[in-house]
């Protein structure tokens, strides 16, 4: 797990080493693999038997169960584990508080619950809502199987309701324009984008927290959220922040990001077949690159249409000039013919000042 800016890596770090761990929602074993590498013994629970079968070699025991109808305590003894992990699971449950309470009863003394939960106040969702969009997807912040949504205060309330006190709170960080959410930033004023980016938790894609059963000496105050990657590091490399400050240099930057995103897409899709949600953050960058490439294509097509219209207007103007020149030549020829005629010469002689003077004398 070389990439620290994903929830699975953060879960493994918070669990620690040489622990007895229950991985709730173990899926294909991507978290279990990281835990096993840290000399942890891992038990797994999942509703998807086919996916979980891939994790079996990493597990001490695999249980196929639906947490909505089967409490964890039906399958495991109380006090059995040093840690119980819910990696992107609680948002799929109608009653996540009950699941956490069941998990607490399975903890040994000094044990903890470790959880990752998507952040519904991530900047990408705020920007999409400004356009009136709330579109479910197969994976990500608006996974079509999510039934619960949490902001930071909601996470705190969830843990408190289950009798837990949060001791560590981390944030997987992704720029609001780099997630899988269809933001379409070109349809929003740059000032709106920068305002959303400045809001608390706008860069936090997922919350990752560890908690222990609440003790009398514990306080209700949340620990400070620690971003895995500082927001400023992500924001400095973002093309819309630079466009807001340096409009001239943006287009080349967008193209570079599009090229990088396209190159990453193939690798990310291949990895998705193996580790499911493990690539959410990276795939978001590729999706952002495709959106930028499509926008540039639309701009090019619009420029071509404007060029064609101007070419037509130029051709029409040239035809008018040629017609005017023909009329001018005809007028000049008529004038020369008139001047050469006998009638014109006689008329000139009659109306000349000398002739008029002599008649008056």
Foldseek 3Di string as FASTA:
>chain_A
DPDCLFQLNVLLVVLAAQWAEEEEQCFLNPSLVSHVVRVYAYEYEEQDPVRCVNNVVSHPYYYHDDCQPDAPVVPAPFQQTQEYEAEQNLQLYPQSLRNLLSVQRNHHVNHKYKYKHFACLAQLNVLCVVVPDDDADCDFQRNVSGPHHDHPVRVLVSQVSNQKAWDAKEFSFDQSLQALRPNPCVVDPLVVSVVSLPDPCNGGGMIITMIHGDDPPDDSDHDDYHYPDDPVVNLVLDLSNVCVVPVVPRPVSLLVLLVVLCVCQVVLVVVCVNPPPRCRNSPSSNSSSVSSVVVVVVVVVVVVVVVVVVVVVVVVVVVVVVVVVVVVVVVVVVVVVLCPDPVNVVVCVCPPPVNVVVVVD
